[in-house]
Amino acid sequence: MGSTFQFGIVCFILLFGLSQFFQWAQHLTLPLPIFVLGGAFLAIASNFNKRAGLPFSLLNELSKPSETSVSKPTSELNPSQTPPVSPIVQSSQPVSFTIRQPEK
């Protein structure tokens, strides 16, 4: 048998198996709590790197040595280490408004 014939047989078996799997999966029904737990798991997994406000995020911060605790003079910092400074925009119009009683 040639390698082309073997490749065709393997492709046929894989496609047949996939079609049978999809026919079986169409008839599969799962209860609502499984979908809720699956959604919660996906939400936690997708936001795993954003652990702000959770108690175990403090454990990671305590175990890392703090680089910002030692302050260096600004003359020793190279430009790549200095934080970006945002310009302060001042408006020429004052921010004020009148609070009125609601009409009855």
Protein backbone atom coordinates (compact mmCIF):
# COMPACT_ATOMS: atom_id res chain seq x y z
CA MET A 1 0.00 0.00 0.00
CA GLY A 2 1.23 3.47 -0.81
CA SER A 3 1.52 6.27 1.67
CA THR A 4 -1.18 8.23 -0.19
CA PHE A 5 -3.65 5.39 0.31
CA GLN A 6 -2.81 5.17 4.03
CA PHE A 7 -3.24 8.92 4.39
CA GLY A 8 -6.68 8.67 2.74
CA ILE A 9 -7.75 5.89 5.10
CA VAL A 10 -6.61 7.89 8.16
CA CYS A 11 -8.46 11.00 6.95
CA PHE A 12 -11.63 8.96 6.31
CA ILE A 13 -11.52 7.42 9.79
CA LEU A 14 -10.91 10.81 11.45
CA LEU A 15 -13.75 12.50 9.56
CA PHE A 16 -16.11 9.60 10.30
CA GLY A 17 -15.20 9.72 13.99
CA LEU A 18 -15.70 13.50 14.15
CA SER A 19 -19.10 13.28 12.45
CA GLN A 20 -20.22 10.58 14.90
CA PHE A 21 -18.97 12.65 17.85
CA PHE A 22 -20.90 15.75 16.68
CA GLN A 23 -24.09 13.70 16.20
CA TRP A 24 -23.69 12.36 19.75
CA ALA A 25 -22.93 15.85 21.15
CA GLN A 26 -26.13 17.29 19.64
CA HIS A 27 -28.21 14.99 21.83
CA LEU A 28 -26.22 15.73 24.97
CA THR A 29 -28.01 17.90 27.54
CA LEU A 30 -26.37 19.33 30.64
CA PRO A 31 -28.15 20.72 33.72
CA LEU A 32 -28.08 24.46 34.43
CA PRO A 33 -25.64 24.29 37.42
CA ILE A 34 -22.99 22.80 35.12
CA PHE A 35 -23.30 25.83 32.81
CA VAL A 36 -23.15 28.23 35.78
CA LEU A 37 -20.03 26.55 37.18
CA GLY A 38 -18.45 26.48 33.73
CA GLY A 39 -19.13 30.20 33.25
CA ALA A 40 -17.69 31.02 36.65
CA PHE A 41 -14.59 28.97 35.89
CA LEU A 42 -14.11 30.73 32.55
CA ALA A 43 -14.52 34.15 34.19
CA ILE A 44 -11.97 33.33 36.88
CA ALA A 45 -9.53 31.82 34.39
CA SER A 46 -9.75 34.78 31.99
CA ASN A 47 -9.18 37.33 34.79
CA PHE A 48 -6.59 35.36 36.73
CA ASN A 49 -3.81 37.91 36.16
CA LYS A 50 -6.04 40.74 37.50
CA ARG A 51 -6.21 39.70 41.16
CA ALA A 52 -6.81 43.19 42.55
CA GLY A 53 -8.73 43.33 45.81
CA LEU A 54 -8.49 39.64 46.59
CA PRO A 55 -6.71 38.48 49.75
CA PHE A 56 -4.33 36.14 47.95
CA SER A 57 -3.02 38.98 45.78
CA LEU A 58 -1.35 40.41 48.91
CA LEU A 59 0.65 37.21 49.33
CA ASN A 60 2.34 37.75 45.96
CA GLU A 61 3.19 41.34 46.83
CA LEU A 62 4.68 40.38 50.20
CA SER A 63 6.84 37.62 48.75
CA LYS A 64 8.42 39.89 46.10
CA PRO A 65 11.20 42.25 47.20
CA SER A 66 10.11 45.83 46.91
CA GLU A 67 12.21 47.79 44.43
CA THR A 68 10.43 51.06 45.12
CA SER A 69 11.24 51.08 48.85
CA VAL A 70 14.80 52.25 48.18
CA SER A 71 14.65 55.70 46.69
CA LYS A 72 17.41 56.81 44.39
CA PRO A 73 18.31 60.38 43.68
CA THR A 74 16.83 61.58 40.44
CA SER A 75 20.30 62.24 39.04
CA GLU A 76 21.03 58.47 39.14
CA LEU A 77 17.90 57.48 37.24
CA ASN A 78 18.23 57.02 33.52
CA PRO A 79 15.44 58.38 31.30
CA SER A 80 13.90 54.94 30.80
CA GLN A 81 13.25 54.65 34.56
CA THR A 82 11.62 58.04 35.12
CA PRO A 83 7.83 57.96 35.22
CA PRO A 84 6.03 59.81 32.44
CA VAL A 85 4.73 63.23 33.42
CA SER A 86 1.29 64.15 32.12
CA PRO A 87 0.66 67.83 31.43
CA ILE A 88 -1.94 69.56 33.57
CA VAL A 89 -4.66 71.08 31.44
CA GLN A 90 -6.41 74.07 32.96
CA SER A 91 -9.71 75.25 31.63
CA SER A 92 -10.41 78.95 31.20
CA GLN A 93 -14.06 78.47 32.18
CA PRO A 94 -14.92 77.81 35.83
CA VAL A 95 -16.81 74.65 36.63
CA SER A 96 -20.01 75.78 38.34
CA PHE A 97 -23.69 75.09 38.10
CA THR A 98 -26.90 75.97 39.93
CA ILE A 99 -28.78 73.35 41.90
CA ARG A 100 -32.52 73.85 41.52
CA GLN A 101 -35.43 72.29 43.39
CA PRO A 102 -37.23 69.62 41.36
CA GLU A 103 -40.59 70.69 39.96
CA LYS A 104 -43.60 69.07 41.58
